[in-house]
């Protein structure tokens, strides 16, 4: 059994040894032959396949410009968030294909995919993206409808007689 630690000095000594044993993880950039980084983003029922490469900031979603596909300014802002947080506005071109879900879920899926692709392209951006919570998949989905209920939780109106 491991030796018992009864003082703070003993704990600090053990923590110092543990920290020295764990090497820092060096992440390598992941790019294909064309210099692009690829990632899959998901949100609700939407799945986005995203490629990023150095460019002028052009965003194409399902063959359309971002302003045409996501007409609402809020959805366009959601798509630009990873670039704003990482300080790389207008430095990467994005090509994305999205399937499933509605426009809000699709915008979230593209944002998740762009964030993952950015950190694969340049691992130094990982800290900022992770701190903002963009690398975590939002697991919230619509609750299913239950038998005998009007919706997931709503009941039919109760009738006494």
N, C-alpha and C. Protein backbone atom coordinates (compact mmCIF):
# COMPACT_ATOMS: atom_id res chain seq x y z
N UNK A 1 0.84 -1.19 0.00
CA UNK A 1 0.00 0.00 0.00
C UNK A 1 0.88 1.25 0.00
N UNK A 2 0.38 2.34 -0.57
CA UNK A 2 1.15 3.59 -0.67
C UNK A 2 1.37 4.16 0.73
N UNK A 3 2.46 4.93 0.86
CA UNK A 3 2.76 5.52 2.16
C UNK A 3 1.75 6.61 2.49
N UNK A 4 1.43 6.74 3.75
CA UNK A 4 0.43 7.68 4.21
C UNK A 4 1.04 9.07 4.37
N UNK A 5 0.30 10.11 3.98
CA UNK A 5 0.78 11.49 4.06
C UNK A 5 0.00 12.20 5.16
N UNK A 6 0.72 12.73 6.17
CA UNK A 6 0.07 13.36 7.31
C UNK A 6 0.29 14.87 7.38
N UNK A 7 1.09 15.45 6.48
CA UNK A 7 1.34 16.89 6.56
C UNK A 7 1.25 17.52 5.17
N UNK A 8 1.10 18.84 5.15
CA UNK A 8 1.03 19.55 3.87
C UNK A 8 2.35 19.49 3.12
N UNK A 9 3.45 19.48 3.84
CA UNK A 9 4.76 19.41 3.19
C UNK A 9 4.90 18.09 2.44
N UNK A 10 4.45 17.03 3.08
CA UNK A 10 4.49 15.71 2.43
C UNK A 10 3.62 15.67 1.19
N UNK A 11 2.46 16.34 1.25
CA UNK A 11 1.54 16.39 0.12
C UNK A 11 2.15 17.18 -1.04
N UNK A 12 2.78 18.32 -0.72
CA UNK A 12 3.42 19.13 -1.75
C UNK A 12 4.54 18.37 -2.44
N UNK A 13 5.31 17.60 -1.65
CA UNK A 13 6.41 16.81 -2.23
C UNK A 13 5.86 15.77 -3.20
N UNK A 14 4.77 15.10 -2.83
CA UNK A 14 4.18 14.08 -3.70
C UNK A 14 3.58 14.75 -4.94
N UNK A 15 2.91 15.90 -4.78
CA UNK A 15 2.32 16.61 -5.92
C UNK A 15 3.40 17.07 -6.87
N UNK A 16 4.55 17.53 -6.33
CA UNK A 16 5.66 17.96 -7.18
C UNK A 16 6.20 16.81 -8.00
N UNK A 17 6.29 15.64 -7.41
CA UNK A 17 6.77 14.45 -8.13
C UNK A 17 5.78 14.07 -9.22
N UNK A 18 4.48 14.10 -8.91
CA UNK A 18 3.45 13.73 -9.88
C UNK A 18 3.45 14.70 -11.06
N UNK A 19 3.64 16.00 -10.77
CA UNK A 19 3.65 16.99 -11.85
C UNK A 19 4.88 16.82 -12.74
N UNK A 20 6.00 16.43 -12.14
CA UNK A 20 7.23 16.25 -12.92
C UNK A 20 7.15 15.01 -13.80
N UNK A 21 6.41 13.99 -13.34
CA UNK A 21 6.30 12.75 -14.12
C UNK A 21 5.41 12.91 -15.34
N UNK A 22 4.37 13.76 -15.27
CA UNK A 22 3.42 13.91 -16.37
C UNK A 22 3.99 14.88 -17.41
N UNK A 23 4.35 14.38 -18.59
CA UNK A 23 4.88 15.28 -19.62
C UNK A 23 3.76 16.10 -20.26
N UNK A 24 4.09 17.31 -20.67
CA UNK A 24 3.11 18.17 -21.34
C UNK A 24 2.80 17.58 -22.72
N UNK A 25 1.54 17.62 -23.11
CA UNK A 25 1.12 17.06 -24.39
C UNK A 25 1.43 18.08 -25.49
N UNK A 26 2.24 17.67 -26.43
CA UNK A 26 2.53 18.51 -27.60
C UNK A 26 1.61 18.07 -28.73
N UNK A 27 0.75 18.96 -29.16
CA UNK A 27 -0.19 18.63 -30.23
C UNK A 27 0.39 19.06 -31.58
N UNK A 28 0.23 18.20 -32.56
CA UNK A 28 0.70 18.48 -33.91
C UNK A 28 -0.47 18.95 -34.76
N UNK A 29 -0.25 19.89 -35.69
CA UNK A 29 -1.32 20.28 -36.61
C UNK A 29 -1.74 19.09 -37.47
N UNK A 30 -3.05 18.98 -37.73
CA UNK A 30 -3.58 17.91 -38.56
C UNK A 30 -4.16 18.55 -39.82
N UNK A 31 -3.49 18.32 -40.96
CA UNK A 31 -3.93 18.91 -42.23
C UNK A 31 -3.84 17.86 -43.33
N UNK A 32 -4.67 18.00 -44.37
CA UNK A 32 -4.61 17.06 -45.48
C UNK A 32 -3.61 17.54 -46.53
N UNK A 33 -3.56 16.86 -47.67
CA UNK A 33 -2.58 17.18 -48.72
C UNK A 33 -2.80 18.58 -49.31
N UNK A 34 -4.03 19.09 -49.22
CA UNK A 34 -4.34 20.41 -49.77
C UNK A 34 -4.18 21.52 -48.73
N UNK A 35 -3.70 21.18 -47.54
CA UNK A 35 -3.49 22.19 -46.50
C UNK A 35 -4.75 22.56 -45.75
N UNK A 36 -5.76 21.69 -45.79
CA UNK A 36 -7.02 21.97 -45.10
C UNK A 36 -7.11 21.16 -43.82
N UNK A 37 -7.89 21.66 -42.88
CA UNK A 37 -8.21 20.91 -41.66
C UNK A 37 -9.69 20.55 -41.72
N UNK A 38 -10.02 19.32 -41.32
CA UNK A 38 -11.40 18.83 -41.38
C UNK A 38 -11.90 18.48 -39.99
N UNK A 39 -13.17 18.77 -39.74
CA UNK A 39 -13.78 18.37 -38.47
C UNK A 39 -15.29 18.21 -38.67
N UNK A 40 -15.90 17.43 -37.80
CA UNK A 40 -17.34 17.22 -37.81
C UNK A 40 -17.93 17.92 -36.60
N UNK A 41 -18.95 18.74 -36.82
CA UNK A 41 -19.63 19.42 -35.72
C UNK A 41 -21.06 18.93 -35.61
N UNK A 42 -21.56 18.87 -34.38
CA UNK A 42 -22.93 18.39 -34.18
C UNK A 42 -23.66 19.30 -33.19
N UNK A 43 -24.98 19.44 -33.41
CA UNK A 43 -25.84 20.22 -32.51
C UNK A 43 -27.27 19.79 -32.77
N UNK A 44 -27.99 19.40 -31.73
CA UNK A 44 -29.36 18.87 -31.86
C UNK A 44 -29.34 17.72 -32.86
N UNK A 45 -30.10 17.83 -33.96
CA UNK A 45 -30.10 16.76 -34.97
C UNK A 45 -29.24 17.11 -36.17
N UNK A 46 -28.55 18.23 -36.13
CA UNK A 46 -27.76 18.68 -37.28
C UNK A 46 -26.33 18.16 -37.19
N UNK A 47 -25.79 17.77 -38.35
CA UNK A 47 -24.41 17.31 -38.44
C UNK A 47 -23.73 18.11 -39.55
N UNK A 48 -22.60 18.73 -39.23
CA UNK A 48 -21.88 19.56 -40.19
C UNK A 48 -20.49 18.97 -40.46
N UNK A 49 -20.14 18.87 -41.74
CA UNK A 49 -18.78 18.50 -42.12
C UNK A 49 -18.10 19.79 -42.55
N UNK A 50 -16.99 20.13 -41.91
CA UNK A 50 -16.37 21.44 -42.10
C UNK A 50 -14.90 21.29 -42.51
N UNK A 51 -14.51 22.02 -43.56
CA UNK A 51 -13.11 22.13 -43.98
C UNK A 51 -12.71 23.59 -43.87
N UNK A 52 -11.53 23.85 -43.29
CA UNK A 52 -11.02 25.22 -43.27
C UNK A 52 -9.63 25.23 -43.90
N UNK A 53 -9.34 26.34 -44.56
CA UNK A 53 -8.01 26.54 -45.15
C UNK A 53 -7.71 28.03 -45.12
N UNK A 54 -6.43 28.41 -45.16
CA UNK A 54 -6.09 29.84 -45.14
C UNK A 54 -6.73 30.54 -46.33
N UNK A 55 -7.26 31.74 -46.08
CA UNK A 55 -7.93 32.47 -47.15
C UNK A 55 -8.35 33.85 -46.69
N UNK A 56 -9.46 34.31 -47.28
CA UNK A 56 -9.91 35.69 -47.06
C UNK A 56 -11.13 35.79 -46.16
N UNK A 57 -11.57 34.69 -45.56
CA UNK A 57 -12.72 34.74 -44.67
C UNK A 57 -14.03 34.38 -45.35
N UNK A 58 -13.97 33.76 -46.51
CA UNK A 58 -15.18 33.37 -47.25
C UNK A 58 -15.78 32.11 -46.62
N UNK A 59 -17.09 32.14 -46.36
CA UNK A 59 -17.78 31.01 -45.74
C UNK A 59 -18.85 30.50 -46.71
N UNK A 60 -18.74 29.22 -47.08
CA UNK A 60 -19.71 28.60 -47.98
C UNK A 60 -20.36 27.43 -47.25
N UNK A 61 -21.70 27.46 -47.16
CA UNK A 61 -22.45 26.40 -46.49
C UNK A 61 -23.40 25.78 -47.51
N UNK A 62 -23.25 24.48 -47.74
CA UNK A 62 -24.07 23.75 -48.72
C UNK A 62 -24.09 24.44 -50.08
N UNK A 63 -22.95 24.96 -50.51
CA UNK A 63 -22.84 25.58 -51.83
C UNK A 63 -23.33 27.01 -51.91
N UNK A 64 -23.79 27.58 -50.81
CA UNK A 64 -24.28 28.97 -50.80
C UNK A 64 -23.42 29.81 -49.88
N UNK A 65 -23.39 31.10 -50.13
CA UNK A 65 -22.70 32.03 -49.24
C UNK A 65 -23.39 32.02 -47.87
N UNK A 66 -22.63 32.34 -46.83
CA UNK A 66 -23.18 32.33 -45.48
C UNK A 66 -24.38 33.27 -45.36
N UNK A 67 -24.31 34.45 -45.98
CA UNK A 67 -25.40 35.42 -45.88
C UNK A 67 -26.68 34.92 -46.56
N UNK A 68 -26.53 34.07 -47.58
CA UNK A 68 -27.70 33.52 -48.25
C UNK A 68 -28.29 32.34 -47.48
N UNK A 69 -27.43 31.48 -46.93
CA UNK A 69 -27.91 30.28 -46.25
C UNK A 69 -28.44 30.63 -44.86
N UNK A 70 -27.68 31.38 -44.07
CA UNK A 70 -28.11 31.82 -42.75
C UNK A 70 -28.47 33.30 -42.86
N UNK A 71 -29.74 33.58 -43.17
CA UNK A 71 -30.17 34.96 -43.43
C UNK A 71 -30.21 35.80 -42.16
N UNK A 72 -30.52 35.17 -41.02
CA UNK A 72 -30.63 35.93 -39.77
C UNK A 72 -29.25 36.33 -39.26
N UNK A 73 -29.08 37.59 -38.85
CA UNK A 73 -27.79 38.06 -38.35
C UNK A 73 -27.30 37.29 -37.12
N UNK A 74 -28.24 36.80 -36.29
CA UNK A 74 -27.85 36.05 -35.09
C UNK A 74 -27.13 34.76 -35.48
N UNK A 75 -27.63 34.08 -36.52
CA UNK A 75 -27.00 32.83 -36.95
C UNK A 75 -25.63 33.11 -37.56
N UNK A 76 -25.50 34.23 -38.27
CA UNK A 76 -24.20 34.60 -38.84
C UNK A 76 -23.20 34.92 -37.72
N UNK A 77 -23.70 35.55 -36.65
CA UNK A 77 -22.83 35.87 -35.51
C UNK A 77 -22.36 34.59 -34.83
N UNK A 78 -23.26 33.60 -34.70
CA UNK A 78 -22.90 32.32 -34.10
C UNK A 78 -21.78 31.67 -34.90
N UNK A 79 -21.86 31.76 -36.22
CA UNK A 79 -20.84 31.16 -37.08
C UNK A 79 -19.49 31.85 -36.95
N UNK A 80 -19.50 33.16 -36.69
CA UNK A 80 -18.24 33.92 -36.60
C UNK A 80 -17.58 33.84 -35.22
N UNK A 81 -18.29 33.36 -34.21
CA UNK A 81 -17.77 33.34 -32.84
C UNK A 81 -16.41 32.66 -32.68
N UNK A 82 -16.18 31.46 -33.25
CA UNK A 82 -14.87 30.83 -33.07
C UNK A 82 -13.72 31.68 -33.60
N UNK A 83 -13.94 32.39 -34.71
CA UNK A 83 -12.89 33.24 -35.28
C UNK A 83 -12.64 34.46 -34.40
N UNK A 84 -13.72 35.01 -33.83
CA UNK A 84 -13.58 36.18 -32.96
C UNK A 84 -12.81 35.82 -31.69
N UNK A 85 -13.17 34.69 -31.08
CA UNK A 85 -12.51 34.27 -29.83
C UNK A 85 -11.04 33.96 -30.06
N UNK A 86 -10.74 33.30 -31.19
CA UNK A 86 -9.35 32.91 -31.46
C UNK A 86 -8.55 34.02 -32.12
N UNK A 87 -9.20 35.13 -32.50
CA UNK A 87 -8.50 36.26 -33.12
C UNK A 87 -8.04 35.97 -34.53
N UNK A 88 -8.82 35.19 -35.28
CA UNK A 88 -8.43 34.83 -36.65
C UNK A 88 -9.50 35.24 -37.66
N UNK A 89 -10.14 36.40 -37.45
CA UNK A 89 -11.16 36.86 -38.39
C UNK A 89 -10.55 37.08 -39.76
N UNK A 90 -11.26 36.69 -40.81
CA UNK A 90 -10.87 36.88 -42.21
C UNK A 90 -9.51 36.26 -42.54
N UNK A 91 -9.13 35.20 -41.86
CA UNK A 91 -7.87 34.52 -42.16
C UNK A 91 -8.10 33.13 -42.75
N UNK A 92 -9.33 32.58 -42.59
CA UNK A 92 -9.62 31.23 -43.07
C UNK A 92 -10.87 31.22 -43.93
N UNK A 93 -10.84 30.39 -44.99
CA UNK A 93 -12.02 30.10 -45.78
C UNK A 93 -12.66 28.84 -45.21
N UNK A 94 -13.99 28.84 -45.16
CA UNK A 94 -14.72 27.71 -44.60
C UNK A 94 -15.62 27.12 -45.67
N UNK A 95 -15.58 25.79 -45.81
CA UNK A 95 -16.50 25.08 -46.70
C UNK A 95 -17.19 24.04 -45.84
N UNK A 96 -18.51 24.13 -45.74
CA UNK A 96 -19.26 23.24 -44.85
C UNK A 96 -20.45 22.64 -45.57
N UNK A 97 -20.75 21.39 -45.25
CA UNK A 97 -22.00 20.77 -45.68
C UNK A 97 -22.74 20.36 -44.41
N UNK A 98 -24.03 20.71 -44.34
CA UNK A 98 -24.82 20.46 -43.15
C UNK A 98 -26.06 19.68 -43.52
N UNK A 99 -26.41 18.72 -42.68
CA UNK A 99 -27.65 17.95 -42.88
C UNK A 99 -28.37 17.83 -41.56
N UNK A 100 -29.70 17.77 -41.63
CA UNK A 100 -30.52 17.52 -40.45
C UNK A 100 -30.79 18.76 -39.63
N UNK A 101 -31.86 18.68 -38.84
CA UNK A 101 -32.19 19.76 -37.93
C UNK A 101 -32.70 21.01 -38.63
N UNK A 102 -32.84 22.08 -37.85
CA UNK A 102 -33.27 23.36 -38.38
C UNK A 102 -32.09 24.30 -38.52
N UNK A 103 -32.38 25.54 -38.87
CA UNK A 103 -31.30 26.50 -39.12
C UNK A 103 -30.48 26.78 -37.86
N UNK A 104 -31.14 26.88 -36.71
CA UNK A 104 -30.41 27.18 -35.47
C UNK A 104 -29.46 26.04 -35.11
N UNK A 105 -29.95 24.81 -35.21
CA UNK A 105 -29.11 23.65 -34.93
C UNK A 105 -27.96 23.54 -35.93
N UNK A 106 -28.25 23.87 -37.20
CA UNK A 106 -27.22 23.80 -38.23
C UNK A 106 -26.14 24.84 -37.98
N UNK A 107 -26.54 26.04 -37.57
CA UNK A 107 -25.55 27.08 -37.26
C UNK A 107 -24.67 26.63 -36.09
N UNK A 108 -25.26 26.03 -35.08
CA UNK A 108 -24.49 25.52 -33.95
C UNK A 108 -23.56 24.39 -34.35
N UNK A 109 -24.02 23.55 -35.28
CA UNK A 109 -23.18 22.44 -35.75
C UNK A 109 -21.98 22.96 -36.54
N UNK A 110 -22.19 23.96 -37.38
CA UNK A 110 -21.09 24.54 -38.14
C UNK A 110 -20.10 25.22 -37.20
N UNK A 111 -20.62 25.92 -36.19
CA UNK A 111 -19.75 26.57 -35.20
C UNK A 111 -18.89 25.53 -34.48
N UNK A 112 -19.48 24.42 -34.08
CA UNK A 112 -18.74 23.35 -33.41
C UNK A 112 -17.68 22.77 -34.34
N UNK A 113 -18.05 22.55 -35.61
CA UNK A 113 -17.11 22.00 -36.58
C UNK A 113 -15.96 22.96 -36.86
N UNK A 114 -16.27 24.24 -37.00
CA UNK A 114 -15.22 25.25 -37.25
C UNK A 114 -14.26 25.31 -36.07
N UNK A 115 -14.80 25.26 -34.85
CA UNK A 115 -13.95 25.31 -33.66
C UNK A 115 -13.00 24.13 -33.62
N UNK A 116 -13.53 22.92 -33.88
CA UNK A 116 -12.69 21.73 -33.86
C UNK A 116 -11.64 21.78 -34.98
N UNK A 117 -12.05 22.26 -36.16
CA UNK A 117 -11.11 22.34 -37.28
C UNK A 117 -10.02 23.38 -37.01
N UNK A 118 -10.37 24.50 -36.38
CA UNK A 118 -9.38 25.53 -36.04
C UNK A 118 -8.33 24.99 -35.10
N UNK A 119 -8.75 24.25 -34.07
CA UNK A 119 -7.78 23.73 -33.12
C UNK A 119 -6.95 22.61 -33.72
N UNK A 120 -7.47 21.92 -34.75
CA UNK A 120 -6.66 20.93 -35.45
C UNK A 120 -5.64 21.60 -36.36
N UNK A 121 -6.07 22.71 -37.00
CA UNK A 121 -5.17 23.43 -37.91
C UNK A 121 -4.04 24.10 -37.14
N UNK A 122 -4.40 24.76 -36.04
CA UNK A 122 -3.41 25.46 -35.22
C UNK A 122 -3.65 25.11 -33.75
N UNK A 123 -2.92 24.12 -33.20
CA UNK A 123 -3.15 23.68 -31.81
C UNK A 123 -2.97 24.78 -30.76
N UNK A 124 -2.31 25.88 -31.09
CA UNK A 124 -2.14 26.95 -30.11
C UNK A 124 -3.45 27.68 -29.83
N UNK A 125 -4.46 27.51 -30.70
CA UNK A 125 -5.76 28.15 -30.50
C UNK A 125 -6.67 27.35 -29.56
N UNK A 126 -6.24 26.14 -29.21
CA UNK A 126 -7.08 25.25 -28.41
C UNK A 126 -7.49 25.86 -27.08
N UNK A 127 -6.58 26.53 -26.38
CA UNK A 127 -6.88 27.10 -25.07
C UNK A 127 -8.02 28.09 -25.11
N UNK A 128 -7.97 29.01 -26.06
CA UNK A 128 -9.02 30.03 -26.15
C UNK A 128 -10.36 29.41 -26.53
N UNK A 129 -10.35 28.46 -27.47
CA UNK A 129 -11.60 27.83 -27.91
C UNK A 129 -12.19 26.97 -26.80
N UNK A 130 -11.34 26.28 -26.06
CA UNK A 130 -11.83 25.42 -24.98
C UNK A 130 -12.37 26.26 -23.83
N UNK A 131 -11.71 27.37 -23.53
CA UNK A 131 -12.17 28.25 -22.45
C UNK A 131 -13.54 28.84 -22.78
N UNK A 132 -13.78 29.11 -24.07
CA UNK A 132 -15.08 29.64 -24.49
C UNK A 132 -16.15 28.56 -24.56
N UNK A 133 -15.74 27.29 -24.48
CA UNK A 133 -16.70 26.18 -24.50
C UNK A 133 -17.12 25.75 -25.89
N UNK A 134 -16.35 26.12 -26.92
CA UNK A 134 -16.74 25.82 -28.29
C UNK A 134 -16.35 24.41 -28.73
N UNK A 135 -15.46 23.73 -28.00
CA UNK A 135 -15.02 22.40 -28.39
C UNK A 135 -15.91 21.30 -27.80
N UNK A 136 -16.80 21.69 -26.88
CA UNK A 136 -17.69 20.73 -26.25
C UNK A 136 -18.98 20.62 -27.04
N UNK A 137 -19.38 19.40 -27.34
CA UNK A 137 -20.63 19.18 -28.08
C UNK A 137 -21.80 19.44 -27.14
N UNK A 138 -22.72 20.30 -27.55
CA UNK A 138 -23.90 20.60 -26.73
C UNK A 138 -24.84 19.40 -26.85
N UNK A 139 -24.97 18.62 -25.80
CA UNK A 139 -25.69 17.35 -25.87
C UNK A 139 -27.20 17.49 -25.68
N UNK A 140 -27.70 18.71 -25.51
CA UNK A 140 -29.13 18.88 -25.29
C UNK A 140 -29.90 18.58 -26.57
N UNK A 141 -30.87 17.69 -26.48
CA UNK A 141 -31.72 17.36 -27.62
C UNK A 141 -33.17 17.41 -27.16
N UNK A 142 -34.08 17.41 -28.11
CA UNK A 142 -35.50 17.50 -27.80
C UNK A 142 -35.95 16.22 -27.08
N UNK A 143 -36.69 16.40 -26.00
CA UNK A 143 -37.21 15.26 -25.25
C UNK A 143 -38.31 14.58 -26.04
N UNK A 144 -38.35 13.26 -26.01
CA UNK A 144 -39.34 12.54 -26.81
C UNK A 144 -40.73 12.65 -26.23
N UNK A 145 -41.74 12.51 -27.12
CA UNK A 145 -43.13 12.54 -26.69
C UNK A 145 -43.46 11.23 -25.98
N UNK A 146 -44.22 11.33 -24.88
CA UNK A 146 -44.59 10.15 -24.10
C UNK A 146 -46.02 9.72 -24.45
N UNK A 147 -46.25 8.41 -24.31
CA UNK A 147 -47.57 7.84 -24.54
C UNK A 147 -48.56 8.40 -23.53
N UNK A 148 -49.75 8.78 -23.98
CA UNK A 148 -50.78 9.30 -23.09
C UNK A 148 -50.62 10.77 -22.76
N UNK A 149 -49.65 11.44 -23.38
CA UNK A 149 -49.42 12.87 -23.14
C UNK A 149 -49.61 13.62 -24.45
N UNK A 150 -49.89 14.93 -24.33
CA UNK A 150 -50.05 15.76 -25.52
C UNK A 150 -48.70 16.01 -26.18
N UNK A 151 -47.68 16.27 -25.35
CA UNK A 151 -46.32 16.46 -25.86
C UNK A 151 -45.39 15.69 -24.92
N UNK A 152 -44.16 16.13 -24.77
CA UNK A 152 -43.22 15.39 -23.92
C UNK A 152 -43.69 15.38 -22.47
N UNK A 153 -44.16 16.52 -21.98
CA UNK A 153 -44.60 16.60 -20.58
C UNK A 153 -46.02 17.12 -20.41
N UNK A 154 -46.52 17.84 -21.40
CA UNK A 154 -47.85 18.43 -21.28
C UNK A 154 -48.93 17.35 -21.32
N UNK A 155 -49.87 17.43 -20.39
CA UNK A 155 -50.97 16.47 -20.35
C UNK A 155 -52.20 17.07 -21.01
N UNK A 156 -53.13 16.20 -21.34
CA UNK A 156 -54.41 16.67 -21.85
C UNK A 156 -55.19 17.30 -20.70
N UNK A 157 -56.14 18.18 -21.03
CA UNK A 157 -56.90 18.87 -19.98
C UNK A 157 -57.68 17.86 -19.15
N UNK A 158 -57.57 18.00 -17.83
CA UNK A 158 -58.25 17.06 -16.92
C UNK A 158 -59.73 17.39 -16.86
N UNK A 159 -60.56 16.37 -16.99
CA UNK A 159 -62.00 16.54 -16.90
C UNK A 159 -62.53 15.76 -15.72
N UNK A 160 -63.16 16.47 -14.77
CA UNK A 160 -63.65 15.79 -13.57
C UNK A 160 -64.86 14.93 -13.89
N UNK A 161 -65.73 15.41 -14.77
CA UNK A 161 -66.94 14.67 -15.13
C UNK A 161 -67.01 14.47 -16.61
